[in-house]
Full PDB file with SEQRES, HELIX, SHEET, SSBOND, CRYST1, ORIGX, SCALE, CONECT and MASTER records, all heavy atoms in Angstrom:
SEQRES   1 A   37  GLY GLU LEU VAL MET ILE GLU ALA TRP ASP ALA GLU GLY          
SEQRES   2 A   37  THR ALA VAL VAL LYS TYR ARG GLY ALA ALA TRP THR ALA          
SEQRES   3 A   37  VAL HIS ARG PRO GLY VAL THR PRO SER ILE GLY                  
SHEET    1 AA1 2 THR A  14  TYR A  19  0                                        
SHEET    2 AA1 2 ALA A  22  VAL A  27 -1                                        
CRYST1    1.000    1.000    1.000  90.00  90.00  90.00 P 1           1          
ORIGX1      1.000000  0.000000  0.000000        0.00000                         
ORIGX2      0.000000  1.000000  0.000000        0.00000                         
ORIGX3      0.000000  0.000000  1.000000        0.00000                         
SCALE1      1.000000  0.000000  0.000000        0.00000                         
SCALE2      0.000000  1.000000  0.000000        0.00000                         
SCALE3      0.000000  0.000000  1.000000        0.00000                         
ATOM      1  N   GLY A   1     110.523  49.937  43.874  1.00  0.00           N  
ATOM      2  CA  GLY A   1     110.742  48.621  43.286  1.00  0.00           C  
ATOM      3  C   GLY A   1     110.573  48.585  41.771  1.00  0.00           C  
ATOM      4  O   GLY A   1     110.925  47.596  41.142  1.00  0.00           O  
ATOM      5  N   GLU A   2     110.048  49.635  41.186  1.00  0.00           N  
ATOM      6  CA  GLU A   2     109.869  49.670  39.734  1.00  0.00           C  
ATOM      7  C   GLU A   2     111.209  49.898  39.043  1.00  0.00           C  
ATOM      8  O   GLU A   2     112.129  50.474  39.615  1.00  0.00           O  
ATOM      9  CB  GLU A   2     108.883  50.769  39.343  1.00  0.00           C  
ATOM     10  CG  GLU A   2     107.476  50.506  39.852  1.00  0.00           C  
ATOM     11  CD  GLU A   2     106.862  49.257  39.257  1.00  0.00           C  
ATOM     12  OE1 GLU A   2     106.983  49.056  38.038  1.00  0.00           O  
ATOM     13  OE2 GLU A   2     106.262  48.481  40.017  1.00  0.00           O  
ATOM     14  N   LEU A   3     111.313  49.465  37.796  1.00  0.00           N  
ATOM     15  CA  LEU A   3     112.550  49.603  37.034  1.00  0.00           C  
ATOM     16  C   LEU A   3     112.491  50.807  36.107  1.00  0.00           C  
ATOM     17  O   LEU A   3     111.440  51.089  35.516  1.00  0.00           O  
ATOM     18  CB  LEU A   3     112.803  48.345  36.203  1.00  0.00           C  
ATOM     19  CG  LEU A   3     113.107  47.076  37.000  1.00  0.00           C  
ATOM     20  CD1 LEU A   3     113.173  45.879  36.064  1.00  0.00           C  
ATOM     21  CD2 LEU A   3     114.394  47.226  37.771  1.00  0.00           C  
ATOM     22  N   VAL A   4     113.602  51.521  36.019  1.00  0.00           N  
ATOM     23  CA  VAL A   4     113.745  52.641  35.082  1.00  0.00           C  
ATOM     24  C   VAL A   4     115.063  52.478  34.338  1.00  0.00           C  
ATOM     25  O   VAL A   4     116.015  51.892  34.849  1.00  0.00           O  
ATOM     26  CB  VAL A   4     113.702  54.016  35.801  1.00  0.00           C  
ATOM     27  CG1 VAL A   4     112.352  54.260  36.426  1.00  0.00           C  
ATOM     28  CG2 VAL A   4     114.794  54.133  36.848  1.00  0.00           C  
ATOM     29  N   MET A   5     115.103  53.005  33.133  1.00  0.00           N  
ATOM     30  CA  MET A   5     116.317  52.943  32.309  1.00  0.00           C  
ATOM     31  C   MET A   5     117.019  54.293  32.369  1.00  0.00           C  
ATOM     32  O   MET A   5     116.423  55.319  32.043  1.00  0.00           O  
ATOM     33  CB  MET A   5     115.945  52.603  30.866  1.00  0.00           C  
ATOM     34  CG  MET A   5     117.130  52.571  29.938  1.00  0.00           C  
ATOM     35  SD  MET A   5     118.242  51.258  30.457  1.00  0.00           S  
ATOM     36  CE  MET A   5     119.295  51.156  29.058  1.00  0.00           C  
ATOM     37  N   ILE A   6     118.269  54.287  32.794  1.00  0.00           N  
ATOM     38  CA  ILE A   6     119.060  55.514  32.839  1.00  0.00           C  
ATOM     39  C   ILE A   6     120.079  55.450  31.722  1.00  0.00           C  
ATOM     40  O   ILE A   6     120.902  54.534  31.664  1.00  0.00           O  
ATOM     41  CB  ILE A   6     119.724  55.697  34.214  1.00  0.00           C  
ATOM     42  CG1 ILE A   6     118.626  55.859  35.259  1.00  0.00           C  
ATOM     43  CG2 ILE A   6     120.685  56.864  34.191  1.00  0.00           C  
ATOM     44  CD1 ILE A   6     119.088  56.151  36.635  1.00  0.00           C  
ATOM     45  N   GLU A   7     119.981  56.426  30.844  1.00  0.00           N  
ATOM     46  CA  GLU A   7     120.862  56.444  29.668  1.00  0.00           C  
ATOM     47  C   GLU A   7     122.090  57.312  29.873  1.00  0.00           C  
ATOM     48  O   GLU A   7     123.115  57.085  29.237  1.00  0.00           O  
ATOM     49  CB  GLU A   7     120.062  56.897  28.446  1.00  0.00           C  
ATOM     50  CG  GLU A   7     118.932  55.932  28.127  1.00  0.00           C  
ATOM     51  CD  GLU A   7     118.042  56.408  26.999  1.00  0.00           C  
ATOM     52  OE1 GLU A   7     118.299  57.484  26.431  1.00  0.00           O  
ATOM     53  OE2 GLU A   7     117.073  55.695  26.696  1.00  0.00           O  
ATOM     54  N   ALA A   8     121.990  58.318  30.748  1.00  0.00           N  
ATOM     55  CA  ALA A   8     123.149  59.192  30.990  1.00  0.00           C  
ATOM     56  C   ALA A   8     122.949  59.937  32.301  1.00  0.00           C  
ATOM     57  O   ALA A   8     121.827  60.274  32.675  1.00  0.00           O  
ATOM     58  CB  ALA A   8     123.308  60.182  29.847  1.00  0.00           C  
ATOM     59  N   TRP A   9     124.071  60.180  32.979  1.00  0.00           N  
ATOM     60  CA  TRP A   9     124.078  60.989  34.200  1.00  0.00           C  
ATOM     61  C   TRP A   9     124.706  62.333  33.867  1.00  0.00           C  
ATOM     62  O   TRP A   9     125.648  62.406  33.090  1.00  0.00           O  
ATOM     63  CB  TRP A   9     124.890  60.309  35.295  1.00  0.00           C  
ATOM     64  CG  TRP A   9     124.286  59.043  35.816  1.00  0.00           C  
ATOM     65  CD1 TRP A   9     124.530  57.788  35.381  1.00  0.00           C  
ATOM     66  CD2 TRP A   9     123.324  58.929  36.867  1.00  0.00           C  
ATOM     67  NE1 TRP A   9     123.783  56.874  36.100  1.00  0.00           N  
ATOM     68  CE2 TRP A   9     123.034  57.560  37.022  1.00  0.00           C  
ATOM     69  CE3 TRP A   9     122.687  59.847  37.696  1.00  0.00           C  
ATOM     70  CZ2 TRP A   9     122.126  57.086  37.978  1.00  0.00           C  
ATOM     71  CZ3 TRP A   9     121.791  59.374  38.636  1.00  0.00           C  
ATOM     72  CH2 TRP A   9     121.517  58.006  38.774  1.00  0.00           C  
ATOM     73  N   ASP A  10     124.227  63.403  34.491  1.00  0.00           N  
ATOM     74  CA  ASP A  10     124.854  64.705  34.268  1.00  0.00           C  
ATOM     75  C   ASP A  10     125.908  64.956  35.348  1.00  0.00           C  
ATOM     76  O   ASP A  10     126.116  64.134  36.244  1.00  0.00           O  
ATOM     77  CB  ASP A  10     123.812  65.829  34.195  1.00  0.00           C  
ATOM     78  CG  ASP A  10     123.045  66.021  35.491  1.00  0.00           C  
ATOM     79  OD1 ASP A  10     123.498  65.545  36.544  1.00  0.00           O  
ATOM     80  OD2 ASP A  10     121.984  66.672  35.446  1.00  0.00           O  
ATOM     81  N   ALA A  11     126.566  66.099  35.286  1.00  0.00           N  
ATOM     82  CA  ALA A  11     127.670  66.412  36.205  1.00  0.00           C  
ATOM     83  C   ALA A  11     127.202  66.567  37.650  1.00  0.00           C  
ATOM     84  O   ALA A  11     127.981  66.402  38.581  1.00  0.00           O  
ATOM     85  CB  ALA A  11     128.375  67.686  35.749  1.00  0.00           C  
ATOM     86  N   GLU A  12     125.941  66.871  37.847  1.00  0.00           N  
ATOM     87  CA  GLU A  12     125.417  67.056  39.206  1.00  0.00           C  
ATOM     88  C   GLU A  12     125.004  65.745  39.865  1.00  0.00           C  
ATOM     89  O   GLU A  12     124.548  65.731  41.001  1.00  0.00           O  
ATOM     90  CB  GLU A  12     124.217  68.000  39.165  1.00  0.00           C  
ATOM     91  CG  GLU A  12     124.556  69.391  38.704  1.00  0.00           C  
ATOM     92  CD  GLU A  12     123.305  70.248  38.562  1.00  0.00           C  
ATOM     93  OE1 GLU A  12     122.188  69.759  38.826  1.00  0.00           O  
ATOM     94  OE2 GLU A  12     123.453  71.411  38.200  1.00  0.00           O  
ATOM     95  N   GLY A  13     125.124  64.637  39.153  1.00  0.00           N  
ATOM     96  CA  GLY A  13     124.743  63.339  39.698  1.00  0.00           C  
ATOM     97  C   GLY A  13     123.266  63.040  39.570  1.00  0.00           C  
ATOM     98  O   GLY A  13     122.728  62.233  40.317  1.00  0.00           O  
ATOM     99  N   THR A  14     122.606  63.685  38.624  1.00  0.00           N  
ATOM    100  CA  THR A  14     121.195  63.413  38.370  1.00  0.00           C  
ATOM    101  C   THR A  14     121.019  62.933  36.941  1.00  0.00           C  
ATOM    102  O   THR A  14     121.896  63.120  36.097  1.00  0.00           O  
ATOM    103  CB  THR A  14     120.326  64.671  38.588  1.00  0.00           C  
ATOM    104  OG1 THR A  14     120.716  65.677  37.670  1.00  0.00           O  
ATOM    105  CG2 THR A  14     120.458  65.188  40.011  1.00  0.00           C  
ATOM    106  N   ALA A  15     119.881  62.324  36.688  1.00  0.00           N  
ATOM    107  CA  ALA A  15     119.548  61.867  35.342  1.00  0.00           C  
ATOM    108  C   ALA A  15     118.067  62.115  35.118  1.00  0.00           C  
ATOM    109  O   ALA A  15     117.269  62.079  36.054  1.00  0.00           O  
ATOM    110  CB  ALA A  15     119.856  60.380  35.189  1.00  0.00           C  
ATOM    111  N   VAL A  16     117.710  62.367  33.889  1.00  0.00           N  
ATOM    112  CA  VAL A  16     116.306  62.508  33.523  1.00  0.00           C  
ATOM    113  C   VAL A  16     115.856  61.178  32.938  1.00  0.00           C  
ATOM    114  O   VAL A  16     116.471  60.664  32.007  1.00  0.00           O  
ATOM    115  CB  VAL A  16     116.102  63.661  32.520  1.00  0.00           C  
ATOM    116  CG1 VAL A  16     114.652  63.742  32.087  1.00  0.00           C  
ATOM    117  CG2 VAL A  16     116.568  64.975  33.128  1.00  0.00           C  
ATOM    118  N   VAL A  17     114.803  60.602  33.508  1.00  0.00           N  
ATOM    119  CA  VAL A  17     114.295  59.317  33.043  1.00  0.00           C  
ATOM    120  C   VAL A  17     112.824  59.473  32.664  1.00  0.00           C  
ATOM    121  O   VAL A  17     112.111  60.289  33.227  1.00  0.00           O  
ATOM    122  CB  VAL A  17     114.447  58.216  34.113  1.00  0.00           C  
ATOM    123  CG1 VAL A  17     115.897  57.944  34.405  1.00  0.00           C  
ATOM    124  CG2 VAL A  17     113.704  58.552  35.379  1.00  0.00           C  
ATOM    125  N   LYS A  18     112.410  58.676  31.719  1.00  0.00           N  
ATOM    126  CA  LYS A  18     111.008  58.625  31.313  1.00  0.00           C  
ATOM    127  C   LYS A  18     110.361  57.537  32.147  1.00  0.00           C  
ATOM    128  O   LYS A  18     110.745  56.367  32.078  1.00  0.00           O  
ATOM    129  CB  LYS A  18     110.927  58.312  29.821  1.00  0.00           C  
ATOM    130  CG  LYS A  18     109.559  58.437  29.259  1.00  0.00           C  
ATOM    131  CD  LYS A  18     109.260  59.883  28.951  1.00  0.00           C  
ATOM    132  CE  LYS A  18     108.012  59.944  28.072  1.00  0.00           C  
ATOM    133  NZ  LYS A  18     107.558  61.268  27.876  1.00  0.00           N  
ATOM    134  N   TYR A  19     109.396  57.929  32.971  1.00  0.00           N  
ATOM    135  CA  TYR A  19     108.743  56.975  33.860  1.00  0.00           C  
ATOM    136  C   TYR A  19     107.281  57.372  34.009  1.00  0.00           C  
ATOM    137  O   TYR A  19     106.976  58.531  34.263  1.00  0.00           O  
ATOM    138  CB  TYR A  19     109.449  56.957  35.228  1.00  0.00           C  
ATOM    139  CG  TYR A  19     108.790  56.081  36.256  1.00  0.00           C  
ATOM    140  CD1 TYR A  19     108.682  54.716  36.063  1.00  0.00           C  
ATOM    141  CD2 TYR A  19     108.275  56.621  37.414  1.00  0.00           C  
ATOM    142  CE1 TYR A  19     108.076  53.913  37.004  1.00  0.00           C  
ATOM    143  CE2 TYR A  19     107.669  55.828  38.362  1.00  0.00           C  
ATOM    144  CZ  TYR A  19     107.561  54.471  38.151  1.00  0.00           C  
ATOM    145  OH  TYR A  19     106.961  53.671  39.076  1.00  0.00           O  
ATOM    146  N   ARG A  20     106.383  56.459  33.815  1.00  0.00           N  
ATOM    147  CA  ARG A  20     104.946  56.671  33.885  1.00  0.00           C  
ATOM    148  C   ARG A  20     104.492  57.805  32.968  1.00  0.00           C  
ATOM    149  O   ARG A  20     103.629  58.595  33.309  1.00  0.00           O  
ATOM    150  CB  ARG A  20     104.488  56.949  35.322  1.00  0.00           C  
ATOM    151  CG  ARG A  20     104.536  55.723  36.186  1.00  0.00           C  
ATOM    152  CD  ARG A  20     103.788  55.902  37.475  1.00  0.00           C  
ATOM    153  NE  ARG A  20     104.428  56.880  38.341  1.00  0.00           N  
ATOM    154  CZ  ARG A  20     103.760  57.684  39.153  1.00  0.00           C  
ATOM    155  NH1 ARG A  20     102.464  57.648  39.226  1.00  0.00           N  
ATOM    156  NH2 ARG A  20     104.404  58.532  39.925  1.00  0.00           N  
ATOM    157  N   GLY A  21     105.119  57.913  31.811  1.00  0.00           N  
ATOM    158  CA  GLY A  21     104.708  58.896  30.820  1.00  0.00           C  
ATOM    159  C   GLY A  21     105.166  60.309  31.097  1.00  0.00           C  
ATOM    160  O   GLY A  21     104.698  61.248  30.455  1.00  0.00           O  
ATOM    161  N   ALA A  22     106.087  60.480  32.036  1.00  0.00           N  
ATOM    162  CA  ALA A  22     106.577  61.823  32.364  1.00  0.00           C  
ATOM    163  C   ALA A  22     108.082  61.777  32.575  1.00  0.00           C  
ATOM    164  O   ALA A  22     108.670  60.711  32.774  1.00  0.00           O  
ATOM    165  CB  ALA A  22     105.891  62.345  33.621  1.00  0.00           C  
ATOM    166  N   ALA A  23     108.687  62.933  32.533  1.00  0.00           N  
ATOM    167  CA  ALA A  23     110.126  63.036  32.795  1.00  0.00           C  
ATOM    168  C   ALA A  23     110.343  63.212  34.298  1.00  0.00           C  
ATOM    169  O   ALA A  23     109.767  64.105  34.915  1.00  0.00           O  
ATOM    170  CB  ALA A  23     110.715  64.203  32.033  1.00  0.00           C  
ATOM    171  N   TRP A  24     111.137  62.341  34.881  1.00  0.00           N  
ATOM    172  CA  TRP A  24     111.467  62.380  36.304  1.00  0.00           C  
ATOM    173  C   TRP A  24     112.965  62.609  36.458  1.00  0.00           C  
ATOM    174  O   TRP A  24     113.754  62.219  35.610  1.00  0.00           O  
ATOM    175  CB  TRP A  24     111.116  61.059  36.973  1.00  0.00           C  
ATOM    176  CG  TRP A  24     109.658  60.789  37.124  1.00  0.00           C  
ATOM    177  CD1 TRP A  24     108.765  60.522  36.130  1.00  0.00           C  
ATOM    178  CD2 TRP A  24     108.931  60.739  38.343  1.00  0.00           C  
ATOM    179  NE1 TRP A  24     107.527  60.304  36.666  1.00  0.00           N  
ATOM    180  CE2 TRP A  24     107.602  60.425  38.023  1.00  0.00           C  
ATOM    181  CE3 TRP A  24     109.268  60.918  39.681  1.00  0.00           C  
ATOM    182  CZ2 TRP A  24     106.610  60.301  38.992  1.00  0.00           C  
ATOM    183  CZ3 TRP A  24     108.278  60.780  40.638  1.00  0.00           C  
ATOM    184  CH2 TRP A  24     106.977  60.487  40.294  1.00  0.00           C  
ATOM    185  N   THR A  25     113.334  63.185  37.573  1.00  0.00           N  
ATOM    186  CA  THR A  25     114.747  63.332  37.908  1.00  0.00           C  
ATOM    187  C   THR A  25     115.130  62.167  38.809  1.00  0.00           C  
ATOM    188  O   THR A  25     114.481  61.918  39.826  1.00  0.00           O  
ATOM    189  CB  THR A  25     115.006  64.664  38.633  1.00  0.00           C  
ATOM    190  OG1 THR A  25     114.592  65.735  37.788  1.00  0.00           O  
ATOM    191  CG2 THR A  25     116.475  64.820  38.973  1.00  0.00           C  
ATOM    192  N   ALA A  26     116.162  61.464  38.423  1.00  0.00           N  
ATOM    193  CA  ALA A  26     116.663  60.343  39.218  1.00  0.00           C  
ATOM    194  C   ALA A  26     117.982  60.749  39.864  1.00  0.00           C  
ATOM    195  O   ALA A  26     118.783  61.468  39.264  1.00  0.00           O  
ATOM    196  CB  ALA A  26     116.863  59.115  38.338  1.00  0.00           C  
ATOM    197  N   VAL A  27     118.182  60.290  41.091  1.00  0.00           N  
ATOM    198  CA  VAL A  27     119.448  60.519  41.797  1.00  0.00           C  
ATOM    199  C   VAL A  27     119.936  59.170  42.320  1.00  0.00           C  
ATOM    200  O   VAL A  27     119.145  58.260  42.546  1.00  0.00           O  
ATOM    201  CB  VAL A  27     119.291  61.524  42.964  1.00  0.00           C  
ATOM    202  CG1 VAL A  27     118.938  62.900  42.438  1.00  0.00           C  
ATOM    203  CG2 VAL A  27     118.270  61.067  43.969  1.00  0.00           C  
ATOM    204  N   HIS A  28     121.242  59.056  42.504  1.00  0.00           N  
ATOM    205  CA  HIS A  28     121.801  57.825  43.046  1.00  0.00           C  
ATOM    206  C   HIS A  28     122.145  58.036  44.510  1.00  0.00           C  
ATOM    207  O   HIS A  28     122.197  59.167  44.993  1.00  0.00           O  
ATOM    208  CB  HIS A  28     123.029  57.382  42.245  1.00  0.00           C  
ATOM    209  CG  HIS A  28     124.108  58.425  42.189  1.00  0.00           C  
ATOM    210  ND1 HIS A  28     125.009  58.607  43.204  1.00  0.00           N  
ATOM    211  CD2 HIS A  28     124.396  59.359  41.254  1.00  0.00           C  
ATOM    212  CE1 HIS A  28     125.825  59.604  42.891  1.00  0.00           C  
ATOM    213  NE2 HIS A  28     125.474  60.079  41.709  1.00  0.00           N  
ATOM    214  N   ARG A  29     122.376  56.956  45.216  1.00  0.00           N  
ATOM    215  CA  ARG A  29     122.734  57.057  46.635  1.00  0.00           C  
ATOM    216  C   ARG A  29     124.097  57.725  46.784  1.00  0.00           C  
ATOM    217  O   ARG A  29     124.978  57.536  45.941  1.00  0.00           O  
ATOM    218  CB  ARG A  29     122.785  55.676  47.271  1.00  0.00           C  
ATOM    219  CG  ARG A  29     121.443  55.032  47.396  1.00  0.00           C  
ATOM    220  CD  ARG A  29     121.531  53.792  48.277  1.00  0.00           C  
ATOM    221  NE  ARG A  29     120.282  53.075  48.260  1.00  0.00           N  
ATOM    222  CZ  ARG A  29     119.239  53.371  49.037  1.00  0.00           C  
ATOM    223  NH1 ARG A  29     119.330  54.370  49.874  1.00  0.00           N  
ATOM    224  NH2 ARG A  29     118.134  52.665  48.970  1.00  0.00           N  
ATOM    225  N   PRO A  30     124.296  58.465  47.854  1.00  0.00           N  
ATOM    226  CA  PRO A  30     125.612  59.055  48.092  1.00  0.00           C  
ATOM    227  C   PRO A  30     126.675  57.967  48.219  1.00  0.00           C  
ATOM    228  O   PRO A  30     126.448  56.934  48.841  1.00  0.00           O  
ATOM    229  CB  PRO A  30     125.447  59.803  49.420  1.00  0.00           C  
ATOM    230  CG  PRO A  30     123.977  60.014  49.566  1.00  0.00           C  
ATOM    231  CD  PRO A  30     123.320  58.867  48.857  1.00  0.00           C  
ATOM    232  N   GLY A  31     127.798  58.198  47.597  1.00  0.00           N  
ATOM    233  CA  GLY A  31     128.904  57.245  47.655  1.00  0.00           C  
ATOM    234  C   GLY A  31     128.838  56.158  46.614  1.00  0.00           C  
ATOM    235  O   GLY A  31     129.741  55.340  46.528  1.00  0.00           O  
ATOM    236  N   VAL A  32     127.775  56.113  45.813  1.00  0.00           N  
ATOM    237  CA  VAL A  32     127.638  55.094  44.770  1.00  0.00           C  
ATOM    238  C   VAL A  32     128.039  55.718  43.445  1.00  0.00           C  
ATOM    239  O   VAL A  32     127.631  56.826  43.113  1.00  0.00           O  
ATOM    240  CB  VAL A  32     126.184  54.570  44.688  1.00  0.00           C  
ATOM    241  CG1 VAL A  32     126.010  53.626  43.523  1.00  0.00           C  
ATOM    242  CG2 VAL A  32     125.799  53.912  45.998  1.00  0.00           C  
ATOM    243  N   THR A  33     128.870  55.013  42.693  1.00  0.00           N  
ATOM    244  CA  THR A  33     129.283  55.496  41.381  1.00  0.00           C  
ATOM    245  C   THR A  33     128.121  55.341  40.409  1.00  0.00           C  
ATOM    246  O   THR A  33     127.596  54.236  40.252  1.00  0.00           O  
ATOM    247  CB  THR A  33     130.501  54.706  40.867  1.00  0.00           C  
ATOM    248  OG1 THR A  33     131.534  54.774  41.850  1.00  0.00           O  
ATOM    249  CG2 THR A  33     130.986  55.265  39.553  1.00  0.00           C  
ATOM    250  N   PRO A  34     127.689  56.430  39.776  1.00  0.00           N  
ATOM    251  CA  PRO A  34     126.568  56.314  38.841  1.00  0.00           C  
ATOM    252  C   PRO A  34     126.946  55.487  37.615  1.00  0.00           C  
ATOM    253  O   PRO A  34     128.048  55.587  37.103  1.00  0.00           O  
ATOM    254  CB  PRO A  34     126.257  57.752  38.460  1.00  0.00           C  
ATOM    255  CG  PRO A  34     127.407  58.563  38.904  1.00  0.00           C  
ATOM    256  CD  PRO A  34     128.171  57.789  39.911  1.00  0.00           C  
ATOM    257  N   SER A  35     126.007  54.658  37.192  1.00  0.00           N  
ATOM    258  CA  SER A  35     126.223  53.840  36.005  1.00  0.00           C  
ATOM    259  C   SER A  35     124.963  53.895  35.154  1.00  0.00           C  
ATOM    260  O   SER A  35     123.880  54.177  35.656  1.00  0.00           O  
ATOM    261  CB  SER A  35     126.528  52.393  36.397  1.00  0.00           C  
ATOM    262  OG  SER A  35     125.432  51.850  37.111  1.00  0.00           O  
ATOM    263  N   ILE A  36     125.142  53.625  33.880  1.00  0.00           N  
ATOM    264  CA  ILE A  36     123.986  53.632  32.994  1.00  0.00           C  
ATOM    265  C   ILE A  36     123.377  52.231  32.975  1.00  0.00           C  
ATOM    266  O   ILE A  36     124.011  51.260  33.372  1.00  0.00           O  
ATOM    267  CB  ILE A  36     124.364  54.096  31.562  1.00  0.00           C  
ATOM    268  CG1 ILE A  36     125.421  53.178  30.956  1.00  0.00           C  
ATOM    269  CG2 ILE A  36     124.827  55.535  31.573  1.00  0.00           C  
ATOM    270  CD1 ILE A  36     125.673  53.474  29.485  1.00  0.00           C  
ATOM    271  N   GLY A  37     122.134  52.142  32.536  1.00  0.00           N  
ATOM    272  CA  GLY A  37     121.452  50.854  32.464  1.00  0.00           C  
ATOM    273  C   GLY A  37     120.201  50.854  33.324  1.00  0.00           C  
ATOM    274  O   GLY A  37     119.695  51.895  33.741  1.00  0.00           O  
TER     275      GLY A  37                                                      
MASTER        0    0    0    0    2    0    0    6  274    1    0    3          
END                                                                             
């Protein structure tokens, strides 16, 4: 339920986000077009 800001997606469908003071890998649901924001 927490919010994260995604600035860019890579070719593999993952993004690196800054969350709780660390870098996390974010993934989107299968079949969903990745978007920034």
